[in-house]
Amino acid sequence: MLLGQGIPIMEHVAHLETLPAPRFQFVGVPSRIRGATGSPIRAIAIFEGEGAHA
């Protein structure tokens, strides 16, 4: 149901309790695997103020 609406499903994201802040933006970067319907992701947490410096 979710995938049919363009909403990806991320399973088994672990160790969130080790993040330094409770609020963050999540980015999941998938691996390209030819012919696959799913893949592992590289999970990235972006915290407010990160990357603000040019």
N, C-alpha and C. Protein backbone atom coordinates (compact mmCIF):
# COMPACT_ATOMS: atom_id res chain seq x y z
N MET A 1 0.82 -1.19 0.00
CA MET A 1 0.00 0.00 0.00
C MET A 1 0.87 1.26 0.00
N LEU A 2 1.85 1.32 0.86
CA LEU A 2 2.70 2.52 0.92
C LEU A 2 3.54 2.67 -0.34
N LEU A 3 4.14 1.57 -0.79
CA LEU A 3 5.00 1.65 -1.97
C LEU A 3 4.20 2.07 -3.20
N GLY A 4 2.95 1.64 -3.30
CA GLY A 4 2.09 2.03 -4.41
C GLY A 4 1.80 3.51 -4.45
N GLN A 5 1.99 4.18 -3.32
CA GLN A 5 1.76 5.63 -3.22
C GLN A 5 3.08 6.40 -3.24
N GLY A 6 4.16 5.72 -3.58
CA GLY A 6 5.45 6.39 -3.67
C GLY A 6 6.12 6.65 -2.34
N ILE A 7 5.69 5.95 -1.28
CA ILE A 7 6.28 6.12 0.04
C ILE A 7 7.21 4.95 0.31
N PRO A 8 8.53 5.19 0.39
CA PRO A 8 9.47 4.09 0.62
C PRO A 8 9.38 3.58 2.05
N ILE A 9 9.76 2.33 2.24
CA ILE A 9 9.77 1.70 3.55
C ILE A 9 11.22 1.45 3.96
N MET A 10 11.61 1.95 5.13
CA MET A 10 12.97 1.73 5.66
C MET A 10 12.82 0.80 6.86
N GLU A 11 13.43 -0.36 6.80
CA GLU A 11 13.34 -1.32 7.89
C GLU A 11 14.69 -1.48 8.58
N HIS A 12 14.65 -1.84 9.84
CA HIS A 12 15.83 -2.20 10.63
C HIS A 12 16.83 -1.05 10.74
N VAL A 13 16.35 0.18 10.87
CA VAL A 13 17.23 1.32 11.15
C VAL A 13 17.57 1.22 12.64
N ALA A 14 18.83 1.02 12.96
CA ALA A 14 19.23 0.70 14.34
C ALA A 14 20.08 1.80 14.98
N HIS A 15 20.18 1.74 16.28
CA HIS A 15 21.06 2.57 17.11
C HIS A 15 20.68 4.06 17.08
N LEU A 16 19.41 4.35 16.89
CA LEU A 16 18.98 5.75 16.89
C LEU A 16 19.21 6.42 18.25
N GLU A 17 19.25 5.62 19.32
CA GLU A 17 19.47 6.19 20.66
C GLU A 17 20.87 6.76 20.81
N THR A 18 21.79 6.46 19.92
CA THR A 18 23.15 6.98 20.02
C THR A 18 23.32 8.34 19.34
N LEU A 19 22.27 8.81 18.67
CA LEU A 19 22.36 10.12 18.01
C LEU A 19 22.42 11.23 19.05
N PRO A 20 23.14 12.31 18.80
CA PRO A 20 23.34 13.35 19.80
C PRO A 20 22.14 14.27 20.03
N ALA A 21 21.12 14.21 19.20
CA ALA A 21 19.95 15.06 19.37
C ALA A 21 18.69 14.27 18.98
N PRO A 22 17.55 14.58 19.62
CA PRO A 22 16.33 13.82 19.33
C PRO A 22 15.68 14.18 18.00
N ARG A 23 15.98 15.35 17.46
CA ARG A 23 15.36 15.77 16.20
C ARG A 23 16.42 15.90 15.12
N PHE A 24 16.12 15.34 13.95
CA PHE A 24 17.06 15.39 12.84
C PHE A 24 16.30 15.11 11.55
N GLN A 25 16.92 15.46 10.45
CA GLN A 25 16.37 15.13 9.14
C GLN A 25 17.03 13.83 8.70
N PHE A 26 16.21 12.90 8.19
CA PHE A 26 16.71 11.59 7.78
C PHE A 26 16.83 11.53 6.26
N VAL A 27 17.97 11.02 5.79
CA VAL A 27 18.18 10.78 4.37
C VAL A 27 18.61 9.33 4.23
N GLY A 28 17.94 8.58 3.37
CA GLY A 28 18.31 7.19 3.09
C GLY A 28 18.78 7.08 1.65
N VAL A 29 20.06 6.81 1.45
CA VAL A 29 20.63 6.74 0.11
C VAL A 29 20.74 5.26 -0.29
N PRO A 30 19.95 4.83 -1.27
CA PRO A 30 19.95 3.41 -1.65
C PRO A 30 21.13 3.05 -2.55
N SER A 31 21.50 1.79 -2.51
CA SER A 31 22.48 1.24 -3.45
C SER A 31 21.74 0.89 -4.73
N ARG A 32 22.40 1.04 -5.86
CA ARG A 32 21.78 0.63 -7.12
C ARG A 32 22.13 -0.83 -7.38
N ILE A 33 21.11 -1.65 -7.42
CA ILE A 33 21.31 -3.06 -7.71
C ILE A 33 20.39 -3.39 -8.88
N ARG A 34 20.98 -3.68 -10.01
CA ARG A 34 20.22 -3.94 -11.23
C ARG A 34 19.23 -5.10 -11.02
N GLY A 35 17.97 -4.86 -11.39
CA GLY A 35 16.93 -5.88 -11.31
C GLY A 35 16.35 -6.11 -9.93
N ALA A 36 16.83 -5.39 -8.93
CA ALA A 36 16.34 -5.58 -7.56
C ALA A 36 15.13 -4.69 -7.27
N THR A 37 14.29 -5.14 -6.36
CA THR A 37 13.15 -4.32 -5.92
C THR A 37 13.43 -3.68 -4.56
N GLY A 38 14.59 -3.94 -3.99
CA GLY A 38 14.99 -3.35 -2.72
C GLY A 38 16.49 -3.38 -2.61
N SER A 39 17.03 -2.65 -1.64
CA SER A 39 18.48 -2.65 -1.45
C SER A 39 18.81 -2.11 -0.07
N PRO A 40 20.04 -2.35 0.40
CA PRO A 40 20.50 -1.70 1.62
C PRO A 40 20.59 -0.19 1.38
N ILE A 41 20.53 0.58 2.45
CA ILE A 41 20.68 2.03 2.32
C ILE A 41 21.83 2.51 3.20
N ARG A 42 22.34 3.67 2.87
CA ARG A 42 23.24 4.38 3.78
C ARG A 42 22.37 5.42 4.47
N ALA A 43 22.19 5.27 5.77
CA ALA A 43 21.33 6.16 6.54
C ALA A 43 22.16 7.36 7.01
N ILE A 44 21.62 8.57 6.78
CA ILE A 44 22.32 9.81 7.14
C ILE A 44 21.39 10.65 7.99
N ALA A 45 21.88 11.13 9.14
CA ALA A 45 21.13 12.04 10.00
C ALA A 45 21.74 13.43 9.86
N ILE A 46 20.88 14.41 9.56
CA ILE A 46 21.33 15.80 9.42
C ILE A 46 20.71 16.60 10.55
N PHE A 47 21.56 17.24 11.35
CA PHE A 47 21.09 18.01 12.49
C PHE A 47 21.05 19.49 12.16
N GLU A 48 20.18 20.22 12.78
CA GLU A 48 20.02 21.65 12.53
C GLU A 48 21.36 22.35 12.72
N GLY A 49 21.70 23.20 11.76
CA GLY A 49 22.94 23.95 11.83
C GLY A 49 24.10 23.29 11.12
N GLU A 50 23.99 21.99 10.82
CA GLU A 50 25.06 21.29 10.09
C GLU A 50 25.14 21.80 8.66
N GLY A 51 26.31 21.99 8.18
CA GLY A 51 26.50 22.41 6.80
C GLY A 51 26.15 23.88 6.56
N ALA A 52 25.99 24.64 7.62
CA ALA A 52 25.61 26.04 7.46
C ALA A 52 26.79 26.91 7.05
N HIS A 53 27.98 26.39 7.19
CA HIS A 53 29.18 27.16 6.85
C HIS A 53 29.55 26.94 5.39
N ALA A 54 29.89 28.02 4.69
CA ALA A 54 30.28 27.92 3.28
C ALA A 54 31.76 27.65 3.15
